[in-house]
N, C-alpha and C. Protein backbone atom coordinates (compact mmCIF):
# COMPACT_ATOMS: atom_id res chain seq x y z
N MET A 1 -17.95 1.27 -13.49
CA MET A 1 -16.96 0.28 -13.13
C MET A 1 -16.08 -0.01 -14.34
N ASN A 2 -14.85 -0.23 -14.08
CA ASN A 2 -13.87 -0.52 -15.12
C ASN A 2 -14.09 -1.93 -15.66
N ASN A 3 -14.10 -2.11 -16.96
CA ASN A 3 -14.30 -3.42 -17.57
C ASN A 3 -12.99 -4.10 -17.93
N GLN A 4 -11.89 -3.65 -17.39
CA GLN A 4 -10.60 -4.28 -17.67
C GLN A 4 -10.57 -5.67 -17.06
N THR A 5 -9.87 -6.56 -17.73
CA THR A 5 -9.66 -7.89 -17.18
C THR A 5 -8.18 -8.20 -17.18
N VAL A 6 -7.80 -9.09 -16.29
CA VAL A 6 -6.42 -9.53 -16.20
C VAL A 6 -6.35 -10.89 -16.88
N THR A 7 -5.47 -11.03 -17.84
CA THR A 7 -5.30 -12.32 -18.52
C THR A 7 -3.87 -12.82 -18.40
N ALA A 8 -3.07 -12.17 -17.60
CA ALA A 8 -1.66 -12.52 -17.46
C ALA A 8 -1.47 -13.68 -16.49
N THR A 9 -0.29 -14.26 -16.55
CA THR A 9 0.13 -15.25 -15.56
C THR A 9 1.52 -14.86 -15.08
N LEU A 10 1.86 -15.31 -13.91
CA LEU A 10 3.19 -15.05 -13.35
C LEU A 10 3.65 -16.35 -12.71
N SER A 11 4.66 -16.94 -13.28
CA SER A 11 5.15 -18.22 -12.75
C SER A 11 5.85 -18.01 -11.41
N THR A 12 5.92 -19.07 -10.67
CA THR A 12 6.63 -19.02 -9.39
C THR A 12 8.08 -18.62 -9.62
N GLN A 13 8.69 -19.15 -10.66
CA GLN A 13 10.09 -18.84 -10.99
C GLN A 13 10.24 -17.35 -11.30
N ASP A 14 9.33 -16.79 -12.12
CA ASP A 14 9.39 -15.36 -12.43
C ASP A 14 9.23 -14.52 -11.17
N ALA A 15 8.29 -14.90 -10.31
CA ALA A 15 8.07 -14.15 -9.06
C ALA A 15 9.32 -14.19 -8.19
N LEU A 16 9.95 -15.35 -8.11
CA LEU A 16 11.19 -15.47 -7.32
C LEU A 16 12.30 -14.60 -7.89
N GLU A 17 12.41 -14.56 -9.22
CA GLU A 17 13.44 -13.74 -9.87
C GLU A 17 13.18 -12.25 -9.62
N ILE A 18 11.93 -11.85 -9.67
CA ILE A 18 11.59 -10.44 -9.42
C ILE A 18 11.92 -10.07 -7.98
N VAL A 19 11.57 -10.95 -7.04
CA VAL A 19 11.90 -10.69 -5.63
C VAL A 19 13.41 -10.61 -5.45
N ALA A 20 14.16 -11.46 -6.14
CA ALA A 20 15.63 -11.42 -6.05
C ALA A 20 16.16 -10.09 -6.61
N GLN A 21 15.59 -9.63 -7.71
CA GLN A 21 16.00 -8.34 -8.28
C GLN A 21 15.67 -7.20 -7.33
N LEU A 22 14.53 -7.27 -6.68
CA LEU A 22 14.18 -6.24 -5.70
C LEU A 22 15.14 -6.27 -4.51
N LYS A 23 15.55 -7.47 -4.13
CA LYS A 23 16.53 -7.59 -3.05
C LYS A 23 17.85 -6.94 -3.45
N THR A 24 18.23 -7.09 -4.71
CA THR A 24 19.46 -6.46 -5.22
C THR A 24 19.34 -4.94 -5.14
N VAL A 25 18.19 -4.42 -5.53
CA VAL A 25 17.96 -2.98 -5.43
C VAL A 25 18.05 -2.55 -3.97
N ARG A 26 17.43 -3.32 -3.09
CA ARG A 26 17.46 -2.99 -1.66
C ARG A 26 18.90 -2.99 -1.14
N GLU A 27 19.71 -3.92 -1.61
CA GLU A 27 21.12 -3.97 -1.20
C GLU A 27 21.90 -2.77 -1.71
N GLN A 28 21.54 -2.26 -2.89
CA GLN A 28 22.19 -1.06 -3.41
C GLN A 28 21.83 0.16 -2.56
N LEU A 29 20.68 0.11 -1.95
CA LEU A 29 20.21 1.20 -1.10
C LEU A 29 20.42 0.82 0.37
N ASP A 30 21.61 0.34 0.69
CA ASP A 30 21.89 -0.19 2.03
C ASP A 30 21.85 0.86 3.14
N PHE A 31 21.71 2.10 2.79
CA PHE A 31 21.66 3.19 3.77
C PHE A 31 20.24 3.52 4.20
N LEU A 32 19.23 2.86 3.62
CA LEU A 32 17.85 3.18 3.95
C LEU A 32 17.57 2.93 5.42
N ILE A 33 16.71 3.75 5.98
CA ILE A 33 16.40 3.73 7.40
C ILE A 33 14.91 3.53 7.57
N GLY A 34 14.52 2.70 8.52
CA GLY A 34 13.12 2.51 8.85
C GLY A 34 12.75 3.36 10.05
N LEU A 35 11.59 3.98 10.00
CA LEU A 35 11.09 4.80 11.10
C LEU A 35 9.87 4.12 11.71
N THR A 36 9.70 4.33 13.00
CA THR A 36 8.49 3.84 13.66
C THR A 36 7.33 4.77 13.29
N PRO A 37 6.10 4.32 13.46
CA PRO A 37 4.96 5.21 13.19
C PRO A 37 5.03 6.51 14.01
N GLN A 38 5.47 6.40 15.25
CA GLN A 38 5.60 7.60 16.09
C GLN A 38 6.66 8.53 15.53
N GLU A 39 7.80 8.00 15.09
CA GLU A 39 8.85 8.83 14.50
C GLU A 39 8.35 9.51 13.22
N ARG A 40 7.57 8.78 12.44
CA ARG A 40 7.01 9.36 11.21
C ARG A 40 6.11 10.55 11.52
N ARG A 41 5.33 10.42 12.58
CA ARG A 41 4.43 11.53 12.96
C ARG A 41 5.21 12.73 13.47
N GLN A 42 6.28 12.48 14.21
CA GLN A 42 6.99 13.55 14.90
C GLN A 42 8.04 14.26 14.06
N ILE A 43 8.55 13.61 13.04
CA ILE A 43 9.66 14.17 12.27
C ILE A 43 9.18 15.34 11.41
N THR A 44 10.04 16.33 11.26
CA THR A 44 9.74 17.44 10.36
C THR A 44 9.89 16.95 8.93
N LYS A 45 8.87 17.22 8.12
CA LYS A 45 8.88 16.72 6.74
C LYS A 45 9.18 17.84 5.76
N MET A 46 9.90 17.48 4.69
CA MET A 46 10.27 18.46 3.68
C MET A 46 9.35 18.34 2.48
N GLY A 47 8.75 19.47 2.11
CA GLY A 47 7.96 19.56 0.90
C GLY A 47 8.66 20.51 -0.07
N ARG A 48 7.94 20.91 -1.11
CA ARG A 48 8.55 21.82 -2.10
C ARG A 48 8.99 23.14 -1.50
N LYS A 49 8.09 23.74 -0.71
CA LYS A 49 8.43 25.04 -0.13
C LYS A 49 9.60 24.93 0.84
N SER A 50 9.59 23.88 1.67
CA SER A 50 10.69 23.75 2.63
C SER A 50 11.98 23.30 1.93
N GLN A 51 11.87 22.65 0.77
CA GLN A 51 13.07 22.29 0.01
C GLN A 51 13.74 23.56 -0.53
N THR A 52 12.94 24.46 -1.07
CA THR A 52 13.48 25.74 -1.55
C THR A 52 14.08 26.52 -0.40
N PHE A 53 13.38 26.57 0.73
CA PHE A 53 13.89 27.25 1.92
C PHE A 53 15.23 26.65 2.33
N THR A 54 15.31 25.31 2.36
CA THR A 54 16.53 24.63 2.79
C THR A 54 17.70 24.99 1.88
N THR A 55 17.47 24.95 0.58
CA THR A 55 18.52 25.28 -0.38
C THR A 55 19.02 26.71 -0.15
N ARG A 56 18.09 27.63 -0.06
CA ARG A 56 18.47 29.04 0.10
C ARG A 56 19.14 29.30 1.45
N ALA A 57 18.64 28.67 2.51
CA ALA A 57 19.23 28.89 3.82
C ALA A 57 20.65 28.30 3.90
N LEU A 58 20.86 27.15 3.27
CA LEU A 58 22.21 26.56 3.28
C LEU A 58 23.17 27.37 2.43
N ASP A 59 22.69 27.94 1.32
CA ASP A 59 23.53 28.83 0.52
C ASP A 59 23.93 30.05 1.33
N MET A 60 22.95 30.63 2.03
CA MET A 60 23.23 31.80 2.86
C MET A 60 24.23 31.45 3.97
N ALA A 61 24.04 30.27 4.59
CA ALA A 61 24.94 29.86 5.67
C ALA A 61 26.36 29.67 5.15
N ALA A 62 26.51 29.13 3.96
CA ALA A 62 27.84 28.92 3.38
C ALA A 62 28.52 30.25 3.07
N GLN A 63 27.73 31.24 2.67
CA GLN A 63 28.29 32.55 2.35
C GLN A 63 28.64 33.35 3.60
N HIS A 64 28.01 33.02 4.71
CA HIS A 64 28.24 33.77 5.96
C HIS A 64 28.59 32.80 7.07
N ILE A 65 29.58 31.97 6.81
CA ILE A 65 29.99 30.92 7.74
C ILE A 65 30.41 31.49 9.10
N ASP A 66 30.95 32.71 9.09
CA ASP A 66 31.41 33.33 10.34
C ASP A 66 30.27 33.66 11.29
N MET A 67 29.04 33.73 10.78
CA MET A 67 27.89 34.06 11.61
C MET A 67 27.11 32.81 12.06
N MET A 68 27.56 31.64 11.63
CA MET A 68 26.83 30.40 11.91
C MET A 68 27.38 29.72 13.16
N PRO A 69 26.54 28.95 13.84
CA PRO A 69 27.02 28.20 15.01
C PRO A 69 28.06 27.17 14.57
N ARG A 70 29.03 26.92 15.44
CA ARG A 70 30.12 26.01 15.09
C ARG A 70 29.65 24.58 14.82
N HIS A 71 28.58 24.16 15.49
CA HIS A 71 28.11 22.77 15.32
C HIS A 71 27.29 22.57 14.04
N LEU A 72 26.99 23.64 13.30
CA LEU A 72 26.25 23.51 12.04
C LEU A 72 27.19 22.98 10.97
N ASP A 73 26.90 21.77 10.48
CA ASP A 73 27.70 21.15 9.43
C ASP A 73 26.97 21.37 8.10
N ILE A 74 27.34 22.42 7.41
CA ILE A 74 26.66 22.81 6.17
C ILE A 74 26.85 21.74 5.10
N GLU A 75 28.05 21.18 5.00
CA GLU A 75 28.30 20.15 3.98
C GLU A 75 27.46 18.90 4.24
N GLU A 76 27.32 18.51 5.49
CA GLU A 76 26.46 17.35 5.81
C GLU A 76 25.02 17.66 5.46
N ALA A 77 24.57 18.86 5.76
CA ALA A 77 23.20 19.26 5.42
C ALA A 77 23.00 19.26 3.90
N ARG A 78 24.00 19.69 3.16
CA ARG A 78 23.92 19.67 1.69
C ARG A 78 23.89 18.23 1.17
N ARG A 79 24.65 17.34 1.81
CA ARG A 79 24.60 15.92 1.41
C ARG A 79 23.21 15.35 1.68
N ASP A 80 22.62 15.71 2.82
CA ASP A 80 21.26 15.26 3.12
C ASP A 80 20.27 15.77 2.08
N LEU A 81 20.40 17.03 1.70
CA LEU A 81 19.52 17.61 0.69
C LEU A 81 19.72 16.92 -0.66
N ALA A 82 20.97 16.65 -1.02
CA ALA A 82 21.26 15.97 -2.29
C ALA A 82 20.66 14.56 -2.28
N LEU A 83 20.74 13.86 -1.15
CA LEU A 83 20.16 12.53 -1.03
C LEU A 83 18.64 12.61 -1.16
N PHE A 84 18.04 13.58 -0.50
CA PHE A 84 16.59 13.79 -0.61
C PHE A 84 16.20 13.94 -2.08
N GLU A 85 16.93 14.77 -2.80
CA GLU A 85 16.61 15.03 -4.20
C GLU A 85 16.89 13.81 -5.08
N ALA A 86 17.96 13.06 -4.79
CA ALA A 86 18.30 11.88 -5.59
C ALA A 86 17.30 10.74 -5.38
N LEU A 87 16.73 10.65 -4.19
CA LEU A 87 15.76 9.60 -3.90
C LEU A 87 14.40 9.86 -4.54
N ASN A 88 14.11 11.10 -4.86
CA ASN A 88 12.78 11.45 -5.37
C ASN A 88 12.37 10.67 -6.63
N PRO A 89 13.18 10.62 -7.70
CA PRO A 89 12.73 9.86 -8.87
C PRO A 89 12.62 8.36 -8.60
N ILE A 90 13.45 7.84 -7.71
CA ILE A 90 13.36 6.42 -7.35
C ILE A 90 12.05 6.17 -6.61
N LEU A 91 11.75 7.04 -5.67
CA LEU A 91 10.52 6.92 -4.90
C LEU A 91 9.29 7.02 -5.80
N GLN A 92 9.32 7.94 -6.75
CA GLN A 92 8.19 8.07 -7.68
C GLN A 92 8.02 6.80 -8.50
N ALA A 93 9.11 6.23 -9.00
CA ALA A 93 9.04 5.01 -9.80
C ALA A 93 8.53 3.83 -8.97
N VAL A 94 9.02 3.70 -7.74
CA VAL A 94 8.59 2.61 -6.86
C VAL A 94 7.12 2.78 -6.48
N ASN A 95 6.70 4.00 -6.19
CA ASN A 95 5.30 4.24 -5.86
C ASN A 95 4.39 3.90 -7.03
N HIS A 96 4.81 4.26 -8.24
CA HIS A 96 4.02 3.94 -9.43
C HIS A 96 3.94 2.42 -9.61
N LEU A 97 5.06 1.74 -9.46
CA LEU A 97 5.08 0.29 -9.56
C LEU A 97 4.19 -0.35 -8.49
N LYS A 98 4.29 0.15 -7.27
CA LYS A 98 3.47 -0.37 -6.17
C LYS A 98 1.98 -0.20 -6.48
N GLU A 99 1.59 0.95 -7.01
CA GLU A 99 0.20 1.19 -7.35
C GLU A 99 -0.27 0.22 -8.44
N LEU A 100 0.56 0.00 -9.46
CA LEU A 100 0.21 -0.95 -10.52
C LEU A 100 0.09 -2.37 -9.98
N LEU A 101 1.01 -2.76 -9.11
CA LEU A 101 0.95 -4.09 -8.50
C LEU A 101 -0.33 -4.26 -7.69
N GLU A 102 -0.64 -3.27 -6.86
CA GLU A 102 -1.85 -3.35 -6.03
C GLU A 102 -3.11 -3.39 -6.89
N ASP A 103 -3.18 -2.55 -7.92
CA ASP A 103 -4.36 -2.52 -8.79
C ASP A 103 -4.52 -3.84 -9.54
N THR A 104 -3.44 -4.38 -10.05
CA THR A 104 -3.50 -5.64 -10.79
C THR A 104 -3.91 -6.79 -9.86
N GLN A 105 -3.33 -6.82 -8.66
CA GLN A 105 -3.69 -7.86 -7.70
C GLN A 105 -5.16 -7.74 -7.31
N MET A 106 -5.62 -6.51 -7.09
CA MET A 106 -7.01 -6.29 -6.71
C MET A 106 -7.95 -6.76 -7.81
N LEU A 107 -7.64 -6.41 -9.07
CA LEU A 107 -8.49 -6.80 -10.19
C LEU A 107 -8.46 -8.32 -10.39
N ALA A 108 -7.29 -8.94 -10.30
CA ALA A 108 -7.20 -10.40 -10.45
C ALA A 108 -8.00 -11.09 -9.35
N GLY A 109 -7.88 -10.61 -8.12
CA GLY A 109 -8.64 -11.19 -7.02
C GLY A 109 -10.14 -11.01 -7.20
N SER A 110 -10.54 -9.84 -7.66
CA SER A 110 -11.95 -9.56 -7.89
C SER A 110 -12.52 -10.47 -8.97
N GLU A 111 -11.77 -10.65 -10.05
CA GLU A 111 -12.23 -11.52 -11.13
C GLU A 111 -12.33 -12.97 -10.67
N ALA A 112 -11.35 -13.44 -9.92
CA ALA A 112 -11.37 -14.82 -9.42
C ALA A 112 -12.54 -15.02 -8.46
N TYR A 113 -12.76 -14.04 -7.57
CA TYR A 113 -13.85 -14.15 -6.60
C TYR A 113 -15.20 -14.10 -7.30
N ALA A 114 -15.36 -13.28 -8.33
CA ALA A 114 -16.61 -13.21 -9.09
C ALA A 114 -16.88 -14.56 -9.77
N ALA A 115 -15.85 -15.17 -10.34
CA ALA A 115 -16.01 -16.48 -10.97
C ALA A 115 -16.39 -17.54 -9.93
N ALA A 116 -15.78 -17.47 -8.75
CA ALA A 116 -16.09 -18.42 -7.69
C ALA A 116 -17.53 -18.26 -7.21
N ARG A 117 -18.00 -17.02 -7.08
CA ARG A 117 -19.40 -16.78 -6.68
C ARG A 117 -20.37 -17.30 -7.73
N LEU A 118 -20.03 -17.11 -9.01
CA LEU A 118 -20.87 -17.62 -10.10
C LEU A 118 -20.95 -19.15 -10.03
N ALA A 119 -19.79 -19.80 -9.82
CA ALA A 119 -19.76 -21.26 -9.71
C ALA A 119 -20.58 -21.72 -8.51
N TYR A 120 -20.44 -21.05 -7.39
CA TYR A 120 -21.17 -21.40 -6.17
C TYR A 120 -22.68 -21.25 -6.39
N ASN A 121 -23.09 -20.11 -6.94
CA ASN A 121 -24.52 -19.88 -7.16
C ASN A 121 -25.10 -20.86 -8.18
N SER A 122 -24.34 -21.21 -9.20
CA SER A 122 -24.80 -22.19 -10.18
C SER A 122 -24.95 -23.56 -9.52
N ALA A 123 -23.99 -23.94 -8.69
CA ALA A 123 -24.05 -25.24 -8.01
C ALA A 123 -25.20 -25.28 -7.01
N LYS A 124 -25.54 -24.13 -6.40
CA LYS A 124 -26.68 -24.10 -5.48
C LYS A 124 -27.97 -24.46 -6.22
N VAL A 125 -28.08 -23.97 -7.44
CA VAL A 125 -29.29 -24.20 -8.22
C VAL A 125 -29.31 -25.59 -8.84
N THR A 126 -28.21 -26.00 -9.44
CA THR A 126 -28.21 -27.25 -10.21
C THR A 126 -27.54 -28.43 -9.50
N GLY A 127 -26.94 -28.21 -8.36
CA GLY A 127 -26.14 -29.26 -7.73
C GLY A 127 -26.83 -30.02 -6.61
N LYS A 128 -28.09 -29.72 -6.31
CA LYS A 128 -28.77 -30.42 -5.21
C LYS A 128 -28.90 -31.90 -5.54
N ASN A 129 -28.61 -32.71 -4.52
CA ASN A 129 -28.70 -34.17 -4.64
C ASN A 129 -27.83 -34.72 -5.76
N ARG A 130 -26.72 -34.08 -6.02
CA ARG A 130 -25.78 -34.56 -7.06
C ARG A 130 -24.38 -34.76 -6.48
N GLY A 131 -24.32 -34.95 -5.17
CA GLY A 131 -23.03 -35.22 -4.54
C GLY A 131 -22.25 -33.98 -4.15
N LEU A 132 -22.88 -32.81 -4.20
CA LEU A 132 -22.18 -31.57 -3.86
C LEU A 132 -22.59 -31.01 -2.50
N ASP A 133 -23.46 -31.73 -1.79
CA ASP A 133 -24.02 -31.18 -0.55
C ASP A 133 -22.94 -30.82 0.47
N ASP A 134 -21.96 -31.70 0.67
CA ASP A 134 -20.90 -31.41 1.66
C ASP A 134 -20.06 -30.20 1.24
N VAL A 135 -19.72 -30.16 -0.03
CA VAL A 135 -18.92 -29.04 -0.54
C VAL A 135 -19.71 -27.74 -0.43
N MET A 136 -20.98 -27.80 -0.80
CA MET A 136 -21.82 -26.59 -0.76
C MET A 136 -22.00 -26.11 0.68
N GLU A 137 -22.16 -27.04 1.61
CA GLU A 137 -22.29 -26.66 3.02
C GLU A 137 -21.02 -25.95 3.48
N ASP A 138 -19.87 -26.48 3.09
CA ASP A 138 -18.59 -25.87 3.45
C ASP A 138 -18.46 -24.48 2.83
N LEU A 139 -18.78 -24.36 1.54
CA LEU A 139 -18.67 -23.08 0.86
C LEU A 139 -19.67 -22.05 1.40
N SER A 140 -20.82 -22.51 1.86
CA SER A 140 -21.85 -21.57 2.35
C SER A 140 -21.38 -20.83 3.61
N GLN A 141 -20.37 -21.35 4.29
CA GLN A 141 -19.85 -20.67 5.49
C GLN A 141 -19.36 -19.27 5.17
N GLN A 142 -18.92 -19.05 3.94
CA GLN A 142 -18.43 -17.74 3.52
C GLN A 142 -19.50 -16.66 3.68
N PHE A 143 -20.75 -17.04 3.49
CA PHE A 143 -21.83 -16.06 3.44
C PHE A 143 -22.69 -16.03 4.70
N ARG A 144 -22.36 -16.84 5.67
CA ARG A 144 -23.12 -16.84 6.93
C ARG A 144 -22.69 -15.67 7.78
N LYS A 145 -23.67 -15.01 8.35
CA LYS A 145 -23.37 -13.91 9.27
C LYS A 145 -23.13 -14.51 10.65
N SER A 146 -22.22 -13.90 11.36
CA SER A 146 -21.99 -14.35 12.73
C SER A 146 -23.19 -13.92 13.56
N ARG A 147 -23.33 -14.51 14.74
CA ARG A 147 -24.46 -14.16 15.60
C ARG A 147 -24.45 -12.69 15.95
N ARG A 148 -23.27 -12.15 16.19
CA ARG A 148 -23.15 -10.74 16.56
C ARG A 148 -23.62 -9.85 15.41
N GLN A 149 -23.19 -10.15 14.18
CA GLN A 149 -23.62 -9.37 13.02
C GLN A 149 -25.12 -9.50 12.83
N SER A 150 -25.66 -10.70 13.04
CA SER A 150 -27.09 -10.93 12.90
C SER A 150 -27.87 -10.11 13.91
N ALA A 151 -27.41 -10.11 15.15
CA ALA A 151 -28.08 -9.36 16.21
C ALA A 151 -28.07 -7.87 15.91
N ILE A 152 -26.95 -7.38 15.40
CA ILE A 152 -26.84 -5.96 15.07
C ILE A 152 -27.78 -5.63 13.93
N ALA A 153 -27.83 -6.47 12.92
CA ALA A 153 -28.68 -6.22 11.76
C ALA A 153 -30.16 -6.28 12.13
N GLN A 154 -30.53 -7.14 13.11
CA GLN A 154 -31.93 -7.30 13.47
C GLN A 154 -32.39 -6.34 14.55
N SER A 155 -31.47 -5.71 15.28
CA SER A 155 -31.87 -4.81 16.34
C SER A 155 -32.46 -3.55 15.74
N PRO A 156 -33.53 -3.04 16.38
CA PRO A 156 -34.16 -1.83 15.81
C PRO A 156 -33.22 -0.63 15.93
N ALA A 157 -33.28 0.21 14.95
CA ALA A 157 -32.45 1.41 14.96
C ALA A 157 -32.96 2.35 16.03
N PRO A 158 -32.06 3.05 16.73
CA PRO A 158 -32.49 4.00 17.75
C PRO A 158 -33.31 5.11 17.11
N GLN A 159 -34.39 5.45 17.77
CA GLN A 159 -35.25 6.51 17.25
C GLN A 159 -34.83 7.82 17.86
N SER A 160 -34.78 8.83 17.01
CA SER A 160 -34.40 10.14 17.54
C SER A 160 -35.61 10.79 18.17
N GLN A 161 -35.33 11.47 19.24
CA GLN A 161 -36.43 12.15 19.95
C GLN A 161 -36.33 13.64 19.67
N THR A 162 -37.41 14.21 19.27
CA THR A 162 -37.43 15.63 19.03
C THR A 162 -38.39 16.27 20.00
N ALA A 163 -38.09 17.44 20.43
CA ALA A 163 -38.92 18.13 21.43
C ALA A 163 -40.01 18.91 20.78
């Protein structure tokens, strides 16, 4: 397990400013399109091999325009390819930032929850009859299993039958 700890703070004002800056970036990218999960599954995706294929096929089409269908807009396809390529470093930077944000949030949450469990367990041992009973009863709800989970945990496991 990683022994890193989070000791940073982020003020509400700083968080608001960061969100405003992200909104500015989003406004600069006003052409971005959202896809539904079904559209994401169905759309043809471009990887490295298909990117090379696309470049070469569009070059070939431009050189032999007389053999291409009239509705093929080579310049529009080249603009799409250029946009794909231009978005790549932005996407990589955003993905890296997203991963760092998620990891930091996860670690901060884990550390806070570990401290809360330590406080709870300490109060269970030393807090009896010291005015903490109501609070401890409320906090203990976190660790109670529901009846359904209890029944599942207590039911005997199915035995396999062998011939």
